[in-house]
């Protein structure tokens, strides 16, 4: 038998979980597990996007910080 635990949630959190169910008999365990996996995946993607953004910054600065661009600032 799987090990189980009890967690305390505010009623608002339970209401949100009920409205997030994909089908009526979906358990909270299934729902929370799926949500956690999706969150972790999104978090990992965001870290990758941030990494790409940081390594692209020097090249973008080189391309965009030109005399021609600065003349447009004063047009």
N, C-alpha and C. Protein backbone atom coordinates (compact mmCIF):
# COMPACT_ATOMS: atom_id res chain seq x y z
N UNK A 1 0.84 -1.18 0.00
CA UNK A 1 0.00 0.00 0.00
C UNK A 1 0.88 1.24 0.00
N UNK A 2 0.59 2.21 -0.89
CA UNK A 2 1.43 3.40 -0.96
C UNK A 2 1.34 4.23 0.32
N UNK A 3 2.44 4.86 0.62
CA UNK A 3 2.47 5.73 1.79
C UNK A 3 1.69 7.00 1.48
N UNK A 4 0.84 7.42 2.41
CA UNK A 4 0.02 8.61 2.22
C UNK A 4 0.28 9.60 3.35
N UNK A 5 -0.02 10.85 3.09
CA UNK A 5 0.11 11.90 4.09
C UNK A 5 -1.06 12.85 3.95
N UNK A 6 -1.22 13.69 4.91
CA UNK A 6 -2.28 14.68 4.89
C UNK A 6 -1.64 16.06 4.78
N UNK A 7 -2.20 16.90 3.93
CA UNK A 7 -1.73 18.28 3.84
C UNK A 7 -2.92 19.21 4.09
N UNK A 8 -2.63 20.36 4.65
CA UNK A 8 -3.68 21.33 4.90
C UNK A 8 -3.66 22.39 3.80
N UNK A 9 -4.83 22.64 3.24
CA UNK A 9 -4.96 23.64 2.19
C UNK A 9 -6.07 24.61 2.56
N UNK A 10 -5.90 25.84 2.15
CA UNK A 10 -6.99 26.80 2.34
C UNK A 10 -8.11 26.44 1.38
N UNK A 11 -9.32 26.83 1.74
CA UNK A 11 -10.48 26.50 0.91
C UNK A 11 -10.34 27.04 -0.51
N UNK A 12 -9.72 28.19 -0.65
CA UNK A 12 -9.51 28.76 -1.98
C UNK A 12 -8.64 27.85 -2.83
N UNK A 13 -7.60 27.25 -2.23
CA UNK A 13 -6.73 26.33 -2.96
C UNK A 13 -7.51 25.09 -3.40
N UNK A 14 -8.37 24.59 -2.53
CA UNK A 14 -9.19 23.42 -2.87
C UNK A 14 -10.15 23.78 -4.00
N UNK A 15 -10.73 24.97 -3.94
CA UNK A 15 -11.64 25.41 -4.99
C UNK A 15 -10.91 25.47 -6.33
N UNK A 16 -9.68 26.00 -6.32
CA UNK A 16 -8.89 26.07 -7.55
C UNK A 16 -8.55 24.67 -8.07
N UNK A 17 -8.21 23.77 -7.17
CA UNK A 17 -7.91 22.40 -7.59
C UNK A 17 -9.14 21.74 -8.21
N UNK A 18 -10.30 21.95 -7.59
CA UNK A 18 -11.53 21.37 -8.15
C UNK A 18 -11.78 21.89 -9.55
N UNK A 19 -11.57 23.18 -9.75
CA UNK A 19 -11.84 23.76 -11.08
C UNK A 19 -10.78 23.36 -12.10
N UNK A 20 -9.62 22.92 -11.64
CA UNK A 20 -8.53 22.54 -12.55
C UNK A 20 -8.61 21.08 -12.99
N UNK A 21 -9.48 20.30 -12.38
CA UNK A 21 -9.58 18.88 -12.74
C UNK A 21 -9.90 18.72 -14.22
N UNK A 22 -9.26 17.73 -14.84
CA UNK A 22 -9.49 17.45 -16.25
C UNK A 22 -10.72 16.57 -16.46
N UNK A 23 -11.07 15.80 -15.47
CA UNK A 23 -12.26 14.97 -15.52
C UNK A 23 -12.75 14.79 -14.08
N UNK A 24 -14.05 14.54 -13.89
CA UNK A 24 -14.64 14.55 -12.54
C UNK A 24 -14.00 13.61 -11.52
N UNK A 25 -13.57 12.45 -11.95
CA UNK A 25 -13.03 11.47 -10.99
C UNK A 25 -11.51 11.58 -10.81
N UNK A 26 -10.91 12.59 -11.39
CA UNK A 26 -9.47 12.78 -11.23
C UNK A 26 -9.17 13.07 -9.76
N UNK A 27 -8.21 12.35 -9.20
CA UNK A 27 -7.88 12.55 -7.79
C UNK A 27 -6.99 13.78 -7.64
N UNK A 28 -7.01 14.32 -6.43
CA UNK A 28 -6.13 15.47 -6.16
C UNK A 28 -4.67 15.05 -6.29
N UNK A 29 -4.37 13.81 -5.93
CA UNK A 29 -3.00 13.31 -6.06
C UNK A 29 -2.55 13.33 -7.52
N UNK A 30 -3.41 12.85 -8.42
CA UNK A 30 -3.08 12.88 -9.85
C UNK A 30 -2.91 14.31 -10.34
N UNK A 31 -3.82 15.16 -9.92
CA UNK A 31 -3.80 16.55 -10.36
C UNK A 31 -2.56 17.29 -9.86
N UNK A 32 -2.27 17.16 -8.58
CA UNK A 32 -1.12 17.86 -8.01
C UNK A 32 0.18 17.32 -8.60
N UNK A 33 0.26 16.02 -8.80
CA UNK A 33 1.46 15.43 -9.41
C UNK A 33 1.68 15.98 -10.82
N UNK A 34 0.60 16.01 -11.61
CA UNK A 34 0.71 16.53 -12.97
C UNK A 34 1.11 18.01 -12.96
N UNK A 35 0.49 18.78 -12.07
CA UNK A 35 0.80 20.21 -11.99
C UNK A 35 2.27 20.43 -11.59
N UNK A 36 2.74 19.64 -10.65
CA UNK A 36 4.12 19.78 -10.20
C UNK A 36 5.10 19.45 -11.33
N UNK A 37 4.81 18.40 -12.08
CA UNK A 37 5.67 18.03 -13.21
C UNK A 37 5.69 19.12 -14.28
N UNK A 38 4.51 19.67 -14.57
CA UNK A 38 4.44 20.76 -15.55
C UNK A 38 5.19 21.99 -15.07
N UNK A 39 5.06 22.29 -13.79
CA UNK A 39 5.76 23.43 -13.22
C UNK A 39 7.27 23.25 -13.31
N UNK A 40 7.75 22.07 -12.95
CA UNK A 40 9.19 21.81 -13.01
C UNK A 40 9.72 21.89 -14.44
N UNK A 41 8.93 21.38 -15.38
CA UNK A 41 9.33 21.46 -16.79
C UNK A 41 9.39 22.93 -17.24
N UNK A 42 8.39 23.71 -16.89
CA UNK A 42 8.36 25.12 -17.26
C UNK A 42 9.51 25.87 -16.60
N UNK A 43 9.80 25.52 -15.36
CA UNK A 43 10.90 26.16 -14.64
C UNK A 43 12.23 25.86 -15.34
N UNK A 44 12.40 24.63 -15.77
CA UNK A 44 13.63 24.23 -16.48
C UNK A 44 13.73 25.00 -17.80
N UNK A 45 12.62 25.11 -18.52
CA UNK A 45 12.60 25.85 -19.78
C UNK A 45 12.97 27.31 -19.55
N UNK A 46 12.44 27.90 -18.50
CA UNK A 46 12.72 29.29 -18.20
C UNK A 46 14.20 29.50 -17.92
N UNK A 47 14.82 28.57 -17.20
CA UNK A 47 16.25 28.67 -16.93
C UNK A 47 17.04 28.62 -18.24
N UNK A 48 16.62 27.77 -19.15
CA UNK A 48 17.28 27.67 -20.44
C UNK A 48 17.12 28.97 -21.22
N UNK A 49 15.90 29.53 -21.20
CA UNK A 49 15.65 30.79 -21.89
C UNK A 49 16.48 31.92 -21.30
N UNK A 50 16.59 31.95 -19.96
CA UNK A 50 17.40 32.97 -19.31
C UNK A 50 18.87 32.81 -19.70
N UNK A 51 19.34 31.56 -19.77
CA UNK A 51 20.72 31.30 -20.17
C UNK A 51 20.97 31.82 -21.59
N UNK A 52 20.05 31.50 -22.51
CA UNK A 52 20.21 31.98 -23.88
C UNK A 52 20.20 33.50 -23.93
N UNK A 53 19.31 34.11 -23.17
CA UNK A 53 19.23 35.57 -23.15
C UNK A 53 20.55 36.18 -22.68
N UNK A 54 21.13 35.61 -21.62
CA UNK A 54 22.38 36.15 -21.08
C UNK A 54 23.54 36.02 -22.07
N UNK A 55 23.63 34.87 -22.77
CA UNK A 55 24.74 34.72 -23.69
C UNK A 55 24.55 35.53 -24.97
N UNK A 56 23.30 35.91 -25.26
CA UNK A 56 23.04 36.73 -26.45
C UNK A 56 23.21 38.22 -26.18
N UNK A 57 23.18 38.64 -24.93
CA UNK A 57 23.24 40.05 -24.59
C UNK A 57 24.45 40.78 -25.19
N UNK A 58 25.66 40.25 -25.07
CA UNK A 58 26.80 40.99 -25.63
C UNK A 58 26.68 41.23 -27.14
N UNK A 59 26.23 40.22 -27.89
CA UNK A 59 26.09 40.38 -29.33
C UNK A 59 24.98 41.37 -29.66
N UNK A 60 23.88 41.31 -28.94
CA UNK A 60 22.77 42.24 -29.18
C UNK A 60 23.21 43.67 -28.86
N UNK A 61 23.99 43.84 -27.81
CA UNK A 61 24.49 45.17 -27.46
C UNK A 61 25.38 45.69 -28.58
N UNK A 62 26.24 44.81 -29.10
CA UNK A 62 27.12 45.17 -30.21
C UNK A 62 26.31 45.60 -31.44
N UNK A 63 25.24 44.87 -31.73
CA UNK A 63 24.44 45.17 -32.91
C UNK A 63 23.57 46.41 -32.73
N UNK A 64 23.04 46.61 -31.55
CA UNK A 64 22.07 47.68 -31.35
C UNK A 64 22.68 48.99 -30.85
N UNK A 65 23.79 48.93 -30.16
CA UNK A 65 24.40 50.16 -29.64
C UNK A 65 25.36 50.74 -30.68
N UNK A 66 24.77 51.27 -31.74
CA UNK A 66 25.58 51.85 -32.80
C UNK A 66 25.27 53.34 -32.89
N UNK A 67 26.14 54.06 -33.57
CA UNK A 67 25.94 55.50 -33.75
C UNK A 67 24.65 55.78 -34.50
N UNK A 68 24.34 54.93 -35.47
CA UNK A 68 23.12 55.11 -36.25
C UNK A 68 21.88 55.00 -35.36
N UNK A 69 21.87 54.04 -34.46
CA UNK A 69 20.74 53.87 -33.55
C UNK A 69 20.63 55.07 -32.60
N UNK A 70 21.77 55.57 -32.14
CA UNK A 70 21.73 56.69 -31.21
C UNK A 70 21.21 57.95 -31.89
N UNK A 71 21.44 58.11 -33.19
CA UNK A 71 20.93 59.29 -33.88
C UNK A 71 19.41 59.27 -33.93
N UNK A 72 18.81 58.08 -33.93
CA UNK A 72 17.35 57.98 -33.91
C UNK A 72 16.78 58.42 -32.56
N UNK A 73 17.56 58.26 -31.49
CA UNK A 73 17.11 58.67 -30.18
C UNK A 73 16.85 60.18 -30.12
N UNK A 74 17.54 60.94 -30.94
CA UNK A 74 17.45 62.39 -30.90
C UNK A 74 16.67 62.95 -32.09
N UNK A 75 16.00 62.10 -32.84
CA UNK A 75 15.25 62.54 -34.03
C UNK A 75 13.96 63.20 -33.65
